[in-house]
Amino acid sequence: MKFLKILTVLILLGVALIAVFISISKCTNQNSNNDATVSIHSEFPVAGNLNEMTKAANFIVIGKYESFNSKWNMARNSENPKLEDDDMYVEGHLYNFVVDEVIKGEALDKNVLVNLTYLTRDIYIDSDQVVNDEGIVIKEATTSKKYYAYNKNFHFIEPEIGAKYMLFLNKSGLMQNYYGAIEPFQIKFDNNNIAKLQSKLISNNQRIITDNIIQINKNKKVTFQTIIDEKITDAISGMNINTLKQEINEYKR
């Protein structure tokens, strides 16, 4: 199995609506007779502590996820962001969130939409193009075919409907929904108002996660891997909600 050089398109959705870094990979095969591995590098801003989470967010709210609303394609047409991109697909899940208290930022509507990135559609192009070890094309492609793999976002954590959360958010100017300002951006509270930080980066030791394997034909398979280098230390879980609010009020000054 050989690692292929891929074209990675990094979309800064903060400028084009969402403000999360998403890696979308389009890989062209170098040798159609070999198994292949597509490496997907996800890049995103990461906070190391509560202070950094507070500084990154324009809005900090306490409330609860009320229900799932809908899904949509976060990848947008570069000429008209109101339209979906014709080729790329990044699925966002919109949730109805009820705001009970605003800790930072201007007053919000009681009911807002919060977007969570759910999955990406990664593209693999199988062709008879031949590329040498230096990356030089020595035979141009005469045939090609696209294959798709739907890979769940590593960071996605299904929210618990009805539970109390503190969210660190920014707002999409065009779509008018809210999204995580940084990773992590969610703190869940139990019935005693004790915090539990929501992030898969806490003590992350995996780095390479095999997202999906697709079979091109009986002799060939393509493995999609997500590479995660970031890791955070959880200094928030176990804190009382009032202590958190006091610290945030200090940091936001």
C-alpha atoms as a PDB file:
ATOM      1  CA  MET A   1       0.000   0.000   0.000  1.00  0.00           C
ATOM      2  CA  LYS A   2       1.318   3.408  -0.965  1.00  0.00           C
ATOM      3  CA  PHE A   3       0.534   6.849   0.417  1.00  0.00           C
ATOM      4  CA  LEU A   4      -0.548   9.150  -2.377  1.00  0.00           C
ATOM      5  CA  LYS A   5       0.131  12.818  -2.698  1.00  0.00           C
ATOM      6  CA  ILE A   6      -3.259  14.505  -2.508  1.00  0.00           C
ATOM      7  CA  LEU A   7      -4.681  17.875  -3.347  1.00  0.00           C
ATOM      8  CA  THR A   8      -6.162  19.240  -0.178  1.00  0.00           C
ATOM      9  CA  VAL A   9      -8.486  22.202  -0.364  1.00  0.00           C
ATOM     10  CA  LEU A  10      -8.683  24.047   2.936  1.00  0.00           C
ATOM     11  CA  ILE A  11     -11.866  26.074   3.199  1.00  0.00           C
ATOM     12  CA  LEU A  12     -11.814  28.808   5.814  1.00  0.00           C
ATOM     13  CA  LEU A  13     -15.525  28.704   6.460  1.00  0.00           C
ATOM     14  CA  GLY A  14     -15.181  31.533   8.934  1.00  0.00           C
ATOM     15  CA  VAL A  15     -14.851  33.863   5.981  1.00  0.00           C
ATOM     16  CA  ALA A  16     -17.290  31.914   3.841  1.00  0.00           C
ATOM     17  CA  LEU A  17     -19.865  31.269   6.526  1.00  0.00           C
ATOM     18  CA  ILE A  18     -18.888  28.901   9.292  1.00  0.00           C
ATOM     19  CA  ALA A  19     -15.420  29.580  10.652  1.00  0.00           C
ATOM     20  CA  VAL A  20     -14.189  26.062  11.111  1.00  0.00           C
ATOM     21  CA  PHE A  21     -11.304  24.616   9.155  1.00  0.00           C
ATOM     22  CA  ILE A  22     -12.381  21.587   7.113  1.00  0.00           C
ATOM     23  CA  SER A  23     -10.050  19.512   5.008  1.00  0.00           C
ATOM     24  CA  ILE A  24     -11.618  18.264   1.785  1.00  0.00           C
ATOM     25  CA  SER A  25      -9.487  15.843  -0.166  1.00  0.00           C
ATOM     26  CA  LYS A  26      -9.511  15.005  -3.831  1.00  0.00           C
ATOM     27  CA  CYS A  27      -7.031  12.270  -4.653  1.00  0.00           C
ATOM     28  CA  THR A  28      -5.941  11.135  -8.087  1.00  0.00           C
ATOM     29  CA  ASN A  29      -4.518   7.639  -8.266  1.00  0.00           C
ATOM     30  CA  GLN A  30      -0.885   7.225  -9.296  1.00  0.00           C
ATOM     31  CA  ASN A  31      -1.094   3.541 -10.060  1.00  0.00           C
ATOM     32  CA  SER A  32      -4.479   1.999 -10.738  1.00  0.00           C
ATOM     33  CA  ASN A  33      -3.225  -1.500  -9.907  1.00  0.00           C
ATOM     34  CA  ASN A  34      -2.270  -0.803  -6.286  1.00  0.00           C
ATOM     35  CA  ASP A  35      -4.288  -0.312  -3.128  1.00  0.00           C
ATOM     36  CA  ALA A  36      -4.281   3.325  -2.075  1.00  0.00           C
ATOM     37  CA  THR A  37      -4.436   5.423   1.087  1.00  0.00           C
ATOM     38  CA  VAL A  38      -5.903   8.919   1.100  1.00  0.00           C
ATOM     39  CA  SER A  39      -4.627  11.030   3.996  1.00  0.00           C
ATOM     40  CA  ILE A  40      -6.997  13.780   5.131  1.00  0.00           C
ATOM     41  CA  HIS A  41      -5.397  16.537   7.184  1.00  0.00           C
ATOM     42  CA  SER A  42      -7.931  18.486   9.235  1.00  0.00           C
ATOM     43  CA  GLU A  43      -6.790  21.867  10.483  1.00  0.00           C
ATOM     44  CA  PHE A  44      -8.733  23.940  12.958  1.00  0.00           C
ATOM     45  CA  PRO A  45      -8.129  26.463  15.745  1.00  0.00           C
ATOM     46  CA  VAL A  46      -7.693  24.813  19.149  1.00  0.00           C
ATOM     47  CA  ALA A  47      -8.008  26.351  22.606  1.00  0.00           C
ATOM     48  CA  GLY A  48      -5.775  25.132  25.386  1.00  0.00           C
ATOM     49  CA  ASN A  49      -7.779  26.611  28.256  1.00  0.00           C
ATOM     50  CA  LEU A  50     -10.929  28.466  29.281  1.00  0.00           C
ATOM     51  CA  ASN A  51      -9.316  31.864  28.694  1.00  0.00           C
ATOM     52  CA  GLU A  52      -8.603  31.046  25.044  1.00  0.00           C
ATOM     53  CA  MET A  53     -12.131  29.670  24.586  1.00  0.00           C
ATOM     54  CA  THR A  54     -13.550  32.902  26.003  1.00  0.00           C
ATOM     55  CA  LYS A  55     -11.406  35.153  23.808  1.00  0.00           C
ATOM     56  CA  ALA A  56     -12.307  33.227  20.633  1.00  0.00           C
ATOM     57  CA  ALA A  57     -16.074  33.431  21.135  1.00  0.00           C
ATOM     58  CA  ASN A  58     -18.264  36.416  20.351  1.00  0.00           C
ATOM     59  CA  PHE A  59     -21.097  34.733  22.226  1.00  0.00           C
ATOM     60  CA  ILE A  60     -21.099  32.504  25.289  1.00  0.00           C
ATOM     61  CA  VAL A  61     -24.514  31.138  26.186  1.00  0.00           C
ATOM     62  CA  ILE A  62     -26.132  28.663  28.550  1.00  0.00           C
ATOM     63  CA  GLY A  63     -29.128  26.687  27.382  1.00  0.00           C
ATOM     64  CA  LYS A  64     -30.173  23.384  25.884  1.00  0.00           C
ATOM     65  CA  TYR A  65     -30.468  21.621  22.551  1.00  0.00           C
ATOM     66  CA  GLU A  66     -34.196  21.281  21.980  1.00  0.00           C
ATOM     67  CA  SER A  67     -34.282  19.227  18.768  1.00  0.00           C
ATOM     68  CA  PHE A  68     -32.573  18.385  15.477  1.00  0.00           C
ATOM     69  CA  ASN A  69     -33.632  20.836  12.776  1.00  0.00           C
ATOM     70  CA  SER A  70     -32.102  19.926   9.398  1.00  0.00           C
ATOM     71  CA  LYS A  71     -28.928  19.145   7.456  1.00  0.00           C
ATOM     72  CA  TRP A  72     -27.223  21.244   4.772  1.00  0.00           C
ATOM     73  CA  ASN A  73     -24.122  21.479   2.599  1.00  0.00           C
ATOM     74  CA  MET A  74     -21.610  23.789   4.278  1.00  0.00           C
ATOM     75  CA  ALA A  75     -19.388  23.886   1.158  1.00  0.00           C
ATOM     76  CA  ARG A  76     -20.606  26.879  -0.840  1.00  0.00           C
ATOM     77  CA  ASN A  77     -20.306  28.104  -4.391  1.00  0.00           C
ATOM     78  CA  SER A  78     -17.331  30.496  -4.562  1.00  0.00           C
ATOM     79  CA  GLU A  79     -19.191  32.908  -6.871  1.00  0.00           C
ATOM     80  CA  ASN A  80     -22.465  32.799  -4.956  1.00  0.00           C
ATOM     81  CA  PRO A  81     -22.169  31.603  -1.340  1.00  0.00           C
ATOM     82  CA  LYS A  82     -25.941  31.305  -1.089  1.00  0.00           C
ATOM     83  CA  LEU A  83     -25.668  28.253  -3.365  1.00  0.00           C
ATOM     84  CA  GLU A  84     -24.084  24.870  -2.633  1.00  0.00           C
ATOM     85  CA  ASP A  85     -20.778  23.902  -4.190  1.00  0.00           C
ATOM     86  CA  ASP A  86     -21.330  21.640  -7.200  1.00  0.00           C
ATOM     87  CA  ASP A  87     -18.543  19.207  -6.304  1.00  0.00           C
ATOM     88  CA  MET A  88     -17.684  19.429  -2.610  1.00  0.00           C
ATOM     89  CA  TYR A  89     -20.013  18.297   0.154  1.00  0.00           C
ATOM     90  CA  VAL A  90     -19.572  19.030   3.856  1.00  0.00           C
ATOM     91  CA  GLU A  91     -22.670  18.088   5.824  1.00  0.00           C
ATOM     92  CA  GLY A  92     -23.667  20.319   8.697  1.00  0.00           C
ATOM     93  CA  HIS A  93     -26.372  19.419  11.200  1.00  0.00           C
ATOM     94  CA  LEU A  94     -28.496  22.289  12.464  1.00  0.00           C
ATOM     95  CA  TYR A  95     -30.012  22.025  15.944  1.00  0.00           C
ATOM     96  CA  ASN A  96     -32.657  24.147  17.623  1.00  0.00           C
ATOM     97  CA  PHE A  97     -30.995  25.596  20.724  1.00  0.00           C
ATOM     98  CA  VAL A  98     -32.890  27.407  23.491  1.00  0.00           C
ATOM     99  CA  VAL A  99     -30.867  30.219  25.103  1.00  0.00           C
ATOM    100  CA  ASP A 100     -31.495  30.623  28.823  1.00  0.00           C
ATOM    101  CA  GLU A 101     -28.605  32.970  29.660  1.00  0.00           C
ATOM    102  CA  VAL A 102     -26.030  35.025  27.745  1.00  0.00           C
ATOM    103  CA  ILE A 103     -22.619  35.171  29.471  1.00  0.00           C
ATOM    104  CA  LYS A 104     -20.804  37.091  26.741  1.00  0.00           C
ATOM    105  CA  GLY A 105     -22.048  39.074  23.744  1.00  0.00           C
ATOM    106  CA  GLU A 106     -25.165  40.962  22.825  1.00  0.00           C
ATOM    107  CA  ALA A 107     -28.622  39.631  23.610  1.00  0.00           C
ATOM    108  CA  LEU A 108     -29.713  36.716  21.406  1.00  0.00           C
ATOM    109  CA  ASP A 109     -33.075  35.440  20.355  1.00  0.00           C
ATOM    110  CA  LYS A 110     -34.485  32.859  22.725  1.00  0.00           C
ATOM    111  CA  ASN A 111     -34.306  30.230  19.956  1.00  0.00           C
ATOM    112  CA  VAL A 112     -31.262  29.972  17.675  1.00  0.00           C
ATOM    113  CA  LEU A 113     -29.806  27.459  15.219  1.00  0.00           C
ATOM    114  CA  VAL A 114     -26.451  25.891  16.138  1.00  0.00           C
ATOM    115  CA  ASN A 115     -24.484  24.145  13.390  1.00  0.00           C
ATOM    116  CA  LEU A 116     -22.283  21.087  13.997  1.00  0.00           C
ATOM    117  CA  THR A 117     -20.118  19.675  11.213  1.00  0.00           C
ATOM    118  CA  TYR A 118     -21.208  16.062  10.729  1.00  0.00           C
ATOM    119  CA  LEU A 119     -19.363  14.550   7.754  1.00  0.00           C
ATOM    120  CA  THR A 120     -17.424  15.224   4.568  1.00  0.00           C
ATOM    121  CA  ARG A 121     -17.647  13.583   1.179  1.00  0.00           C
ATOM    122  CA  ASP A 122     -14.081  12.796   0.149  1.00  0.00           C
ATOM    123  CA  ILE A 123     -13.311  12.213  -3.507  1.00  0.00           C
ATOM    124  CA  TYR A 124     -10.962   9.640  -5.017  1.00  0.00           C
ATOM    125  CA  ILE A 125     -10.233   9.701  -8.750  1.00  0.00           C
ATOM    126  CA  ASP A 126      -9.121   6.353 -10.128  1.00  0.00           C
ATOM    127  CA  SER A 127      -7.218   6.693 -13.394  1.00  0.00           C
ATOM    128  CA  ASP A 128      -4.464   5.129 -15.468  1.00  0.00           C
ATOM    129  CA  GLN A 129      -2.168   8.094 -14.942  1.00  0.00           C
ATOM    130  CA  VAL A 130       1.388   7.067 -14.020  1.00  0.00           C
ATOM    131  CA  VAL A 131       3.500   9.193 -11.671  1.00  0.00           C
ATOM    132  CA  ASN A 132       7.070   8.393 -10.655  1.00  0.00           C
ATOM    133  CA  ASP A 133       8.484   8.556  -7.119  1.00  0.00           C
ATOM    134  CA  GLU A 134       9.448  12.220  -7.627  1.00  0.00           C
ATOM    135  CA  GLY A 135       5.833  13.114  -8.352  1.00  0.00           C
ATOM    136  CA  ILE A 136       6.404  13.692 -12.070  1.00  0.00           C
ATOM    137  CA  VAL A 137       3.679  12.520 -14.439  1.00  0.00           C
ATOM    138  CA  ILE A 138       5.217  10.124 -16.935  1.00  0.00           C
ATOM    139  CA  LYS A 139       1.945   9.003 -18.487  1.00  0.00           C
ATOM    140  CA  GLU A 140      -1.148  11.190 -18.752  1.00  0.00           C
ATOM    141  CA  ALA A 141      -4.503   9.729 -17.836  1.00  0.00           C
ATOM    142  CA  THR A 142      -6.665   8.386 -20.632  1.00  0.00           C
ATOM    143  CA  THR A 143      -9.437   7.074 -18.346  1.00  0.00           C
ATOM    144  CA  SER A 144     -10.706   8.204 -14.953  1.00  0.00           C
ATOM    145  CA  LYS A 145     -13.609   7.609 -12.602  1.00  0.00           C
ATOM    146  CA  LYS A 146     -14.698   9.327  -9.396  1.00  0.00           C
ATOM    147  CA  TYR A 147     -15.403   7.451  -6.172  1.00  0.00           C
ATOM    148  CA  TYR A 148     -16.832   8.970  -3.005  1.00  0.00           C
ATOM    149  CA  ALA A 149     -16.412   8.136   0.662  1.00  0.00           C
ATOM    150  CA  TYR A 150     -18.614   9.720   3.316  1.00  0.00           C
ATOM    151  CA  ASN A 151     -16.477  10.184   6.413  1.00  0.00           C
ATOM    152  CA  LYS A 152     -17.875  11.322   9.745  1.00  0.00           C
ATOM    153  CA  ASN A 153     -16.202  14.381  11.232  1.00  0.00           C
ATOM    154  CA  PHE A 154     -13.778  13.309  13.962  1.00  0.00           C
ATOM    155  CA  HIS A 155     -14.912  16.157  16.238  1.00  0.00           C
ATOM    156  CA  PHE A 156     -18.639  15.523  16.002  1.00  0.00           C
ATOM    157  CA  ILE A 157     -20.316  14.652  19.299  1.00  0.00           C
ATOM    158  CA  GLU A 158     -24.064  14.063  19.190  1.00  0.00           C
ATOM    159  CA  PRO A 159     -25.621  16.597  21.568  1.00  0.00           C
ATOM    160  CA  GLU A 160     -27.899  15.338  24.313  1.00  0.00           C
ATOM    161  CA  ILE A 161     -31.344  16.808  23.762  1.00  0.00           C
ATOM    162  CA  GLY A 162     -32.631  18.549  26.894  1.00  0.00           C
ATOM    163  CA  ALA A 163     -29.295  18.610  28.752  1.00  0.00           C
ATOM    164  CA  LYS A 164     -27.767  21.900  29.943  1.00  0.00           C
ATOM    165  CA  TYR A 165     -24.832  23.223  27.891  1.00  0.00           C
ATOM    166  CA  MET A 166     -22.526  26.201  27.812  1.00  0.00           C
ATOM    167  CA  LEU A 167     -21.577  27.008  24.208  1.00  0.00           C
ATOM    168  CA  PHE A 168     -18.775  29.244  22.901  1.00  0.00           C
ATOM    169  CA  LEU A 169     -20.101  30.536  19.593  1.00  0.00           C
ATOM    170  CA  ASN A 170     -19.669  32.840  16.643  1.00  0.00           C
ATOM    171  CA  LYS A 171     -22.317  33.764  14.090  1.00  0.00           C
ATOM    172  CA  SER A 172     -22.494  33.193  10.344  1.00  0.00           C
ATOM    173  CA  GLY A 173     -23.262  36.500   8.677  1.00  0.00           C
ATOM    174  CA  LEU A 174     -24.913  35.023   5.600  1.00  0.00           C
ATOM    175  CA  MET A 175     -26.664  31.937   6.921  1.00  0.00           C
ATOM    176  CA  GLN A 176     -27.555  33.459  10.309  1.00  0.00           C
ATOM    177  CA  ASN A 177     -26.747  30.301  12.268  1.00  0.00           C
ATOM    178  CA  TYR A 178     -24.238  29.899  15.099  1.00  0.00           C
ATOM    179  CA  TYR A 179     -21.207  27.606  15.224  1.00  0.00           C
ATOM    180  CA  GLY A 180     -18.385  26.632  17.527  1.00  0.00           C
ATOM    181  CA  ALA A 181     -15.882  29.481  17.808  1.00  0.00           C
ATOM    182  CA  ILE A 182     -13.008  27.123  18.515  1.00  0.00           C
ATOM    183  CA  GLU A 183     -12.353  23.507  19.496  1.00  0.00           C
ATOM    184  CA  PRO A 184     -13.529  22.710  22.124  1.00  0.00           C
ATOM    185  CA  PHE A 185     -16.636  24.884  22.301  1.00  0.00           C
ATOM    186  CA  GLN A 186     -19.152  22.836  24.337  1.00  0.00           C
ATOM    187  CA  ILE A 187     -19.414  22.197  28.067  1.00  0.00           C
ATOM    188  CA  LYS A 188     -22.225  19.935  29.296  1.00  0.00           C
ATOM    189  CA  PHE A 189     -23.567  20.047  32.864  1.00  0.00           C
ATOM    190  CA  ASP A 190     -25.078  17.298  34.962  1.00  0.00           C
ATOM    191  CA  ASN A 191     -28.044  17.708  37.320  1.00  0.00           C
ATOM    192  CA  ASN A 192     -25.707  19.200  39.954  1.00  0.00           C
ATOM    193  CA  ASN A 193     -24.334  21.797  37.488  1.00  0.00           C
ATOM    194  CA  ILE A 194     -20.937  20.089  37.334  1.00  0.00           C
ATOM    195  CA  ALA A 195     -19.124  20.597  34.036  1.00  0.00           C
ATOM    196  CA  LYS A 196     -18.005  17.986  31.498  1.00  0.00           C
ATOM    197  CA  LEU A 197     -15.901  19.356  28.617  1.00  0.00           C
ATOM    198  CA  GLN A 198     -17.020  17.972  25.256  1.00  0.00           C
ATOM    199  CA  SER A 199     -14.092  17.152  22.953  1.00  0.00           C
ATOM    200  CA  LYS A 200     -12.485  14.130  21.340  1.00  0.00           C
ATOM    201  CA  LEU A 201      -9.111  15.894  21.548  1.00  0.00           C
ATOM    202  CA  ILE A 202      -8.861  15.276  25.287  1.00  0.00           C
ATOM    203  CA  SER A 203      -5.798  13.039  25.699  1.00  0.00           C
ATOM    204  CA  ASN A 204      -6.070  12.097  22.010  1.00  0.00           C
ATOM    205  CA  ASN A 205      -3.513   9.378  21.337  1.00  0.00           C
ATOM    206  CA  GLN A 206      -4.791   8.055  18.026  1.00  0.00           C
ATOM    207  CA  ARG A 207      -3.450  10.611  15.516  1.00  0.00           C
ATOM    208  CA  ILE A 208      -4.365   8.453  12.508  1.00  0.00           C
ATOM    209  CA  ILE A 209      -7.996   7.395  12.343  1.00  0.00           C
ATOM    210  CA  THR A 210      -9.197   5.103   9.552  1.00  0.00           C
ATOM    211  CA  ASP A 211     -12.472   6.686   8.514  1.00  0.00           C
ATOM    212  CA  ASN A 212     -13.582   4.483   5.669  1.00  0.00           C
ATOM    213  CA  ILE A 213     -12.460   1.817   3.231  1.00  0.00           C
ATOM    214  CA  ILE A 214     -14.045   1.569  -0.206  1.00  0.00           C
ATOM    215  CA  GLN A 215     -13.575  -1.254  -2.693  1.00  0.00           C
ATOM    216  CA  ILE A 216     -12.812   0.057  -6.196  1.00  0.00           C
ATOM    217  CA  ASN A 217     -12.828  -3.394  -7.764  1.00  0.00           C
ATOM    218  CA  LYS A 218     -12.070  -6.929  -6.691  1.00  0.00           C
ATOM    219  CA  ASN A 219      -8.330  -6.211  -6.694  1.00  0.00           C
ATOM    220  CA  LYS A 220      -8.180  -2.738  -5.252  1.00  0.00           C
ATOM    221  CA  LYS A 221      -9.335  -0.852  -2.162  1.00  0.00           C
ATOM    222  CA  VAL A 222      -8.886   2.738  -1.013  1.00  0.00           C
ATOM    223  CA  THR A 223      -8.437   3.589   2.668  1.00  0.00           C
ATOM    224  CA  PHE A 224      -9.371   7.082   3.858  1.00  0.00           C
ATOM    225  CA  GLN A 225      -7.460   8.219   6.939  1.00  0.00           C
ATOM    226  CA  THR A 226      -7.882  11.365   9.025  1.00  0.00           C
ATOM    227  CA  ILE A 227      -4.694  12.699  10.621  1.00  0.00           C
ATOM    228  CA  ILE A 228      -5.217  14.547  13.917  1.00  0.00           C
ATOM    229  CA  ASP A 229      -2.150  16.114  15.545  1.00  0.00           C
ATOM    230  CA  GLU A 230      -3.870  18.268  18.166  1.00  0.00           C
ATOM    231  CA  LYS A 231      -4.356  17.201  21.761  1.00  0.00           C
ATOM    232  CA  ILE A 232      -5.757  19.118  24.738  1.00  0.00           C
ATOM    233  CA  THR A 233      -5.650  18.797  28.507  1.00  0.00           C
ATOM    234  CA  ASP A 234      -9.025  18.988  30.237  1.00  0.00           C
ATOM    235  CA  ALA A 235      -8.902  21.498  33.107  1.00  0.00           C
ATOM    236  CA  ILE A 236     -12.634  22.265  32.977  1.00  0.00           C
ATOM    237  CA  SER A 237     -14.467  19.026  33.772  1.00  0.00           C
ATOM    238  CA  GLY A 238     -15.480  18.859  37.424  1.00  0.00           C
ATOM    239  CA  MET A 239     -15.911  22.610  37.833  1.00  0.00           C
ATOM    240  CA  ASN A 240     -19.146  24.122  39.132  1.00  0.00           C
ATOM    241  CA  ILE A 241     -21.124  26.277  36.691  1.00  0.00           C
ATOM    242  CA  ASN A 242     -20.900  29.352  38.933  1.00  0.00           C
ATOM    243  CA  THR A 243     -17.117  29.069  39.143  1.00  0.00           C
ATOM    244  CA  LEU A 244     -16.931  28.828  35.359  1.00  0.00           C
ATOM    245  CA  LYS A 245     -19.099  31.919  34.939  1.00  0.00           C
ATOM    246  CA  GLN A 246     -16.936  33.882  37.377  1.00  0.00           C
ATOM    247  CA  GLU A 247     -13.749  32.968  35.510  1.00  0.00           C
ATOM    248  CA  ILE A 248     -15.298  33.807  32.125  1.00  0.00           C
ATOM    249  CA  ASN A 249     -16.379  37.223  33.415  1.00  0.00           C
ATOM    250  CA  GLU A 250     -12.766  37.872  34.409  1.00  0.00           C
ATOM    251  CA  TYR A 251     -11.341  36.695  31.068  1.00  0.00           C
ATOM    252  CA  LYS A 252     -13.737  38.671  28.868  1.00  0.00           C
ATOM    253  CA  ARG A 253     -12.725  42.041  30.338  1.00  0.00           C
END
